[in-house]
Amino acid sequence: MDFKAISSVVADDFEAVNRFITHHLDTEVPLIREVGEYIVDSGGKRLRPLVGLLSARASGYAGEQHVDVAAVIEFLHTATLLHDDVVDESSLRRGRPTVNAVWGNSASVLVGDFLISRALQLMVALEDQRLLEILSQSTNTISEGEVLQLINTRDPDTTEDSYMRVIHHKTAKMFEAAAETGAVLGARTEPDRCADFATFGLHLGIAFQLIDDVLDYQGDVSALGKNVGDDLAEGKPTLPLIYAIQHGAPQHADLIKNAIRTGGLDHLREIVEIVHDCGGLRYTIDRADEHTARALEALAPVPGSRYKEALQRLAEESLRRTY
């Protein structure tokens, strides 16, 4: 079952999210509309909204508010991407030039701010204190993750624990929020069940990012939709590099450390070989596999349904993906 087949399980809900996003991107400011349409047209799997929709239905929710929550999550996620691309000076995302590459850094930052403010409006409109708590806390945690990543950038002494903390804050938290908010809608009287979904989302998000780290060193630009080696070019010490520094030959460790300090891709081919030969990619895949197993374990108490099955398949597909 691929991502398209998984999303088809909640096809009507997914289409409702897309309509909701398009409607709430409408504004009298032409530049925001233009950039908003560009973002929507750029595609993307919208995995976080999908996790929220499936979690709500798997929890027995039969209403429509999960569409609003899923859209809020996508607004917040997209805002972080816009800001990320400015900080990272990225030029390509999802196979297209980034917003900052087309309209400049100022437009990218300010439209990102608009998406956050629009998300806040929609969060208040939910009129649900628990949902507001989860979404606002997640937004704050993600912001902390951005700063933690900034601190680690160009620091070759970053530890695995430090890097995993960045992943938890920056990537996994939004997956966790998506799953938990869906469960809250469907299982308000079962806090343990909500915690199970939150745990699922957390470990799914960690595994997803770890596979992203692997793909940065063995992916293909046409499939990834971004430049291979972007993390190294930005001086980001991801897990494959951290492992290679700790377990590779001293001269190889020195080469990688220098590349992280300076950024750039002068030695990309050699570093890719080092990371592969010393087991850095295999180690990262194994860690992703561990977190996928923990995600699936968290779903075990959830009653069987096609929505639960789709969540399980999503976790497995995320581990196997090549883009």
Protein backbone atom coordinates (compact mmCIF):
# COMPACT_ATOMS: atom_id res chain seq x y z
CA MET A 1 0.00 0.00 0.00
CA ASP A 2 1.59 3.29 -1.11
CA PHE A 3 0.83 6.80 0.15
CA LYS A 4 -1.85 7.34 -2.47
CA ALA A 5 -3.64 4.15 -1.48
CA ILE A 6 -3.34 5.05 2.22
CA SER A 7 -4.85 8.51 1.71
CA SER A 8 -7.69 7.00 -0.32
CA VAL A 9 -9.01 5.50 2.94
CA VAL A 10 -10.04 9.03 3.95
CA ALA A 11 -10.34 10.42 0.43
CA ASP A 12 -13.38 12.62 1.14
CA ASP A 13 -11.80 14.01 4.31
CA PHE A 14 -8.52 14.63 2.50
CA GLU A 15 -10.28 16.53 -0.28
CA ALA A 16 -12.16 18.55 2.33
CA VAL A 17 -8.82 19.55 3.88
CA ASN A 18 -7.55 20.72 0.49
CA ARG A 19 -10.68 22.82 -0.05
CA PHE A 20 -10.40 24.23 3.47
CA ILE A 21 -6.77 25.22 2.92
CA THR A 22 -7.52 26.91 -0.41
CA HIS A 23 -10.46 28.80 1.08
CA HIS A 24 -8.53 30.08 4.08
CA LEU A 25 -5.55 31.15 1.99
CA ASP A 26 -7.83 33.72 0.41
CA THR A 27 -6.88 37.29 1.28
CA GLU A 28 -7.07 40.77 -0.18
CA VAL A 29 -3.27 40.96 -0.28
CA PRO A 30 -2.23 39.85 -3.81
CA LEU A 31 1.25 38.63 -2.86
CA ILE A 32 -0.10 36.34 -0.15
CA ARG A 33 -2.64 34.90 -2.60
CA GLU A 34 0.04 34.39 -5.23
CA VAL A 35 2.47 32.69 -2.88
CA GLY A 36 -0.37 30.69 -1.30
CA GLU A 37 -1.46 29.31 -4.67
CA TYR A 38 2.15 28.46 -5.47
CA ILE A 39 2.47 26.53 -2.21
CA VAL A 40 -0.77 24.62 -2.76
CA ASP A 41 0.19 23.76 -6.35
CA SER A 42 3.62 22.53 -5.25
CA GLY A 43 2.03 19.36 -3.96
CA GLY A 44 3.49 17.36 -1.13
CA LYS A 45 1.95 14.34 0.54
CA ARG A 46 0.43 16.31 3.45
CA LEU A 47 1.37 13.49 5.75
CA ARG A 48 0.67 15.33 8.99
CA PRO A 49 -2.93 16.16 8.06
CA LEU A 50 -3.31 12.57 6.86
CA VAL A 51 -2.13 11.27 10.24
CA GLY A 52 -4.67 13.53 11.95
CA LEU A 53 -7.56 12.42 9.73
CA LEU A 54 -6.77 8.72 10.10
CA SER A 55 -6.27 9.03 13.86
CA ALA A 56 -9.63 10.73 14.29
CA ARG A 57 -11.47 8.08 12.30
CA ALA A 58 -9.52 5.25 13.97
CA SER A 59 -10.67 6.70 17.31
CA GLY A 60 -14.29 6.52 16.22
CA TYR A 61 -14.82 10.18 15.42
CA ALA A 62 -17.76 10.72 13.08
CA GLY A 63 -17.84 14.52 12.87
CA GLU A 64 -16.14 17.06 10.61
CA GLN A 65 -13.97 19.14 12.94
CA HIS A 66 -10.96 16.94 12.24
CA VAL A 67 -10.80 18.59 8.80
CA ASP A 68 -10.27 22.00 10.42
CA VAL A 69 -7.62 20.63 12.78
CA ALA A 70 -5.78 18.89 9.94
CA ALA A 71 -5.72 22.14 7.96
CA VAL A 72 -4.34 24.05 10.96
CA ILE A 73 -1.55 21.50 11.23
CA GLU A 74 -0.73 21.89 7.54
CA PHE A 75 -0.67 25.71 7.86
CA LEU A 76 1.75 25.48 10.78
CA HIS A 77 3.94 22.94 9.01
CA THR A 78 4.07 24.99 5.80
CA ALA A 79 5.01 28.10 7.76
CA THR A 80 7.98 26.26 9.26
CA LEU A 81 9.06 25.18 5.76
CA LEU A 82 8.98 28.76 4.50
CA HIS A 83 11.07 29.94 7.43
CA ASP A 84 13.41 26.93 7.14
CA ASP A 85 14.16 27.64 3.51
CA VAL A 86 15.22 31.18 4.38
CA VAL A 87 17.43 30.09 7.27
CA ASP A 88 18.95 27.26 5.21
CA GLU A 89 19.19 29.36 2.02
CA SER A 90 17.46 26.48 0.19
CA SER A 91 16.63 26.86 -3.48
CA LEU A 92 14.64 23.68 -4.18
CA ARG A 93 11.75 21.94 -2.42
CA ARG A 94 9.39 19.31 -3.80
CA GLY A 95 11.11 19.63 -7.14
CA ARG A 96 10.32 23.33 -7.52
CA PRO A 97 12.16 26.54 -6.65
CA THR A 98 11.48 27.57 -3.07
CA VAL A 99 9.35 30.62 -2.28
CA ASN A 100 12.43 32.53 -1.14
CA ALA A 101 14.17 31.67 -4.42
CA VAL A 102 11.24 33.09 -6.41
CA TRP A 103 10.00 36.01 -4.30
CA GLY A 104 12.90 36.61 -1.92
CA ASN A 105 13.51 36.05 1.78
CA SER A 106 11.23 38.82 3.02
CA ALA A 107 8.19 37.45 1.22
CA SER A 108 8.92 33.93 2.43
CA VAL A 109 9.20 35.00 6.07
CA LEU A 110 6.17 37.26 5.99
CA VAL A 111 3.90 34.75 4.24
CA GLY A 112 5.07 32.21 6.81
CA ASP A 113 3.99 34.66 9.51
CA PHE A 114 0.61 35.01 7.79
CA LEU A 115 0.13 31.24 7.83
CA ILE A 116 0.91 31.11 11.54
CA SER A 117 -1.50 33.94 12.31
CA ARG A 118 -4.18 32.32 10.17
CA ALA A 119 -3.60 29.04 12.01
CA LEU A 120 -4.06 30.89 15.32
CA GLN A 121 -7.39 32.27 14.10
CA LEU A 122 -8.55 28.80 13.14
CA MET A 123 -7.33 27.31 16.42
CA VAL A 124 -9.41 29.79 18.41
CA ALA A 125 -12.42 29.08 16.20
CA LEU A 126 -12.25 25.41 17.24
CA GLU A 127 -13.46 26.48 20.69
CA ASP A 128 -11.83 23.45 22.29
CA GLN A 129 -9.38 24.06 25.11
CA ARG A 130 -7.65 20.69 24.84
CA LEU A 131 -7.04 21.02 21.11
CA LEU A 132 -5.77 24.56 21.61
CA GLU A 133 -3.36 23.36 24.30
CA ILE A 134 -1.93 20.61 22.09
CA LEU A 135 -1.52 22.80 19.01
CA SER A 136 -0.09 25.82 20.83
CA GLN A 137 2.36 23.70 22.82
CA SER A 138 3.46 21.95 19.64
CA THR A 139 4.04 25.26 17.86
CA ASN A 140 6.23 26.42 20.72
CA THR A 141 8.18 23.15 20.80
CA ILE A 142 8.81 23.30 17.05
CA SER A 143 10.16 26.84 17.40
CA GLU A 144 12.53 25.59 20.07
CA GLY A 145 13.59 22.84 17.70
CA GLU A 146 14.46 25.39 15.03
CA VAL A 147 16.73 27.18 17.48
CA LEU A 148 18.29 23.91 18.68
CA GLN A 149 19.09 23.03 15.07
CA LEU A 150 20.61 26.46 14.55
CA ILE A 151 22.85 25.89 17.58
CA ASN A 152 24.01 22.54 16.18
CA THR A 153 24.64 23.86 12.68
CA ARG A 154 28.34 23.81 11.78
CA ASP A 155 29.11 22.10 15.08
CA PRO A 156 30.94 18.80 14.32
CA ASP A 157 30.87 17.88 18.04
CA THR A 158 27.08 17.51 18.08
CA THR A 159 26.16 14.29 19.88
CA GLU A 160 23.54 11.76 18.87
CA ASP A 161 21.44 12.68 21.92
CA SER A 162 21.56 16.34 20.97
CA TYR A 163 20.58 15.59 17.41
CA MET A 164 17.72 13.31 18.46
CA ARG A 165 16.41 16.14 20.62
CA VAL A 166 16.30 18.35 17.51
CA ILE A 167 14.35 15.67 15.63
CA HIS A 168 11.85 15.33 18.46
CA HIS A 169 11.26 19.07 18.68
CA LYS A 170 11.47 20.04 15.04
CA THR A 171 9.91 17.15 13.12
CA ALA A 172 8.29 14.56 15.34
CA LYS A 173 6.28 17.00 17.44
CA MET A 174 3.93 17.93 14.61
CA PHE A 175 3.30 14.26 13.78
CA GLU A 176 2.61 13.71 17.47
CA ALA A 177 0.21 16.66 17.58
CA ALA A 178 -1.62 15.45 14.47
CA ALA A 179 -2.21 11.98 15.90
CA GLU A 180 -3.11 13.24 19.37
CA THR A 181 -5.59 15.88 18.22
CA GLY A 182 -7.31 13.29 16.02
CA ALA A 183 -7.59 10.95 18.99
CA VAL A 184 -8.85 13.71 21.28
CA LEU A 185 -11.73 14.33 18.88
CA GLY A 186 -12.65 10.66 18.79
CA ALA A 187 -11.82 9.49 22.30
CA ARG A 188 -12.38 12.37 24.70
CA THR A 189 -13.18 10.06 27.59
CA GLU A 190 -10.16 7.80 27.03
CA PRO A 191 -6.96 9.71 27.90
CA ASP A 192 -4.87 6.52 27.68
CA ARG A 193 -6.03 6.00 24.11
CA CYS A 194 -5.06 9.57 23.22
CA ALA A 195 -1.63 8.94 24.70
CA ASP A 196 -1.27 5.84 22.52
CA PHE A 197 -1.92 7.88 19.39
CA ALA A 198 0.47 10.61 20.54
CA THR A 199 3.19 8.00 21.06
CA PHE A 200 2.50 6.59 17.61
CA GLY A 201 2.85 10.02 16.00
CA LEU A 202 6.04 10.80 17.91
CA HIS A 203 7.87 7.67 16.81
CA LEU A 204 6.49 7.88 13.27
CA GLY A 205 7.88 11.42 13.02
CA ILE A 206 11.30 10.38 14.33
CA ALA A 207 11.51 7.47 11.89
CA PHE A 208 10.40 9.70 9.02
CA GLN A 209 13.16 12.23 9.71
CA LEU A 210 15.82 9.56 10.09
CA ILE A 211 14.94 8.16 6.67
CA ASP A 212 15.14 11.72 5.34
CA ASP A 213 18.69 11.84 6.72
CA VAL A 214 19.56 8.66 4.85
CA LEU A 215 18.04 9.89 1.60
CA ASP A 216 20.17 13.03 1.76
CA TYR A 217 23.16 10.77 1.03
CA GLN A 218 21.71 8.16 -1.30
CA GLY A 219 18.65 9.75 -2.89
CA ASP A 220 18.07 11.15 -6.37
CA VAL A 221 17.22 14.81 -6.89
CA SER A 222 14.43 14.02 -9.36
CA ALA A 223 12.74 11.76 -6.80
CA LEU A 224 13.54 13.72 -3.65
CA GLY A 225 12.53 17.10 -5.01
CA LYS A 226 15.51 18.69 -3.30
CA ASN A 227 19.23 18.76 -3.84
CA VAL A 228 21.15 15.71 -2.63
CA GLY A 229 23.66 16.71 0.03
CA ASP A 230 21.65 19.72 1.19
CA ASP A 231 22.19 18.88 4.86
CA LEU A 232 25.96 18.74 4.45
CA ALA A 233 25.97 21.92 2.36
CA GLU A 234 24.16 23.68 5.22
CA GLY A 235 26.58 22.32 7.83
CA LYS A 236 23.94 20.15 9.52
CA PRO A 237 25.39 17.25 11.53
CA THR A 238 22.71 14.60 10.90
CA LEU A 239 22.85 11.09 12.33
CA PRO A 240 24.74 9.40 9.43
CA LEU A 241 27.50 12.01 9.78
CA ILE A 242 27.56 11.81 13.57
CA TYR A 243 27.94 8.03 13.40
CA ALA A 244 30.67 8.28 10.75
CA ILE A 245 32.64 10.75 12.87
CA GLN A 246 32.42 8.44 15.90
CA HIS A 247 33.15 5.17 14.09
CA GLY A 248 35.17 6.07 11.00
CA ALA A 249 38.91 6.32 10.57
CA PRO A 250 40.48 9.44 12.14
CA GLN A 251 41.29 11.02 8.78
CA HIS A 252 37.73 10.43 7.60
CA ALA A 253 36.33 11.90 10.79
CA ASP A 254 38.50 15.00 10.28
CA LEU A 255 37.26 15.38 6.71
CA ILE A 256 33.61 15.21 7.78
CA LYS A 257 34.17 17.58 10.71
CA ASN A 258 35.76 20.14 8.42
CA ALA A 259 32.89 19.81 5.92
CA ILE A 260 30.37 20.45 8.70
CA ARG A 261 32.31 23.48 9.94
CA THR A 262 32.59 25.07 6.51
CA GLY A 263 29.50 23.79 4.71
CA GLY A 264 29.64 23.16 0.99
CA LEU A 265 29.88 20.06 -1.15
CA ASP A 266 33.53 19.97 -2.17
CA HIS A 267 33.99 16.47 -0.79
CA LEU A 268 30.42 15.18 -1.09
CA ARG A 269 31.24 12.05 -3.10
CA GLU A 270 34.02 11.02 -0.73
CA ILE A 271 31.89 11.70 2.34
CA VAL A 272 28.99 9.69 0.91
CA GLU A 273 31.37 6.74 0.47
CA ILE A 274 32.70 7.13 4.01
CA VAL A 275 29.23 7.32 5.54
CA HIS A 276 28.17 4.23 3.62
CA ASP A 277 31.32 2.19 4.22
CA CYS A 278 31.48 2.83 7.97
CA GLY A 279 27.84 1.84 8.45
CA GLY A 280 26.39 5.29 9.08
CA LEU A 281 23.45 4.80 6.72
CA ARG A 282 22.75 1.28 7.99
CA TYR A 283 22.84 2.50 11.59
CA THR A 284 20.41 5.32 10.82
CA ILE A 285 18.03 2.97 9.02
CA ASP A 286 18.17 0.58 11.99
CA ARG A 287 17.28 3.42 14.36
CA ALA A 288 14.37 4.37 12.10
CA ASP A 289 13.27 0.74 12.14
CA GLU A 290 13.30 0.77 15.95
CA HIS A 291 11.10 3.85 16.10
CA THR A 292 8.73 2.41 13.50
CA ALA A 293 8.35 -0.68 15.67
CA ARG A 294 7.59 1.51 18.68
CA ALA A 295 5.02 3.43 16.66
CA LEU A 296 3.28 0.22 15.64
CA GLU A 297 3.43 -1.08 19.21
CA ALA A 298 1.63 2.04 20.42
CA LEU A 299 -1.26 1.28 18.07
CA ALA A 300 -1.69 -2.28 19.39
CA PRO A 301 -4.46 -1.41 21.92
CA VAL A 302 -6.47 0.50 19.28
CA PRO A 303 -9.50 -1.46 18.01
CA GLY A 304 -9.10 -2.84 14.52
CA SER A 305 -10.41 -0.84 11.58
CA ARG A 306 -9.38 0.12 8.08
CA TYR A 307 -8.20 3.45 9.52
CA LYS A 308 -5.91 1.74 12.03
CA GLU A 309 -4.61 -0.49 9.25
CA ALA A 310 -3.90 2.59 7.12
CA LEU A 311 -1.90 4.14 9.99
CA GLN A 312 0.10 0.93 10.31
CA ARG A 313 0.77 0.86 6.58
CA LEU A 314 1.76 4.53 6.69
CA ALA A 315 4.43 3.80 9.29
CA GLU A 316 5.75 0.86 7.28
CA GLU A 317 5.70 2.79 4.00
CA SER A 318 7.51 5.74 5.57
CA LEU A 319 10.33 3.40 6.54
CA ARG A 320 10.61 1.93 3.05
CA ARG A 321 10.27 5.13 1.05
CA THR A 322 12.89 6.28 -1.40
CA TYR A 323 11.80 9.94 -1.63
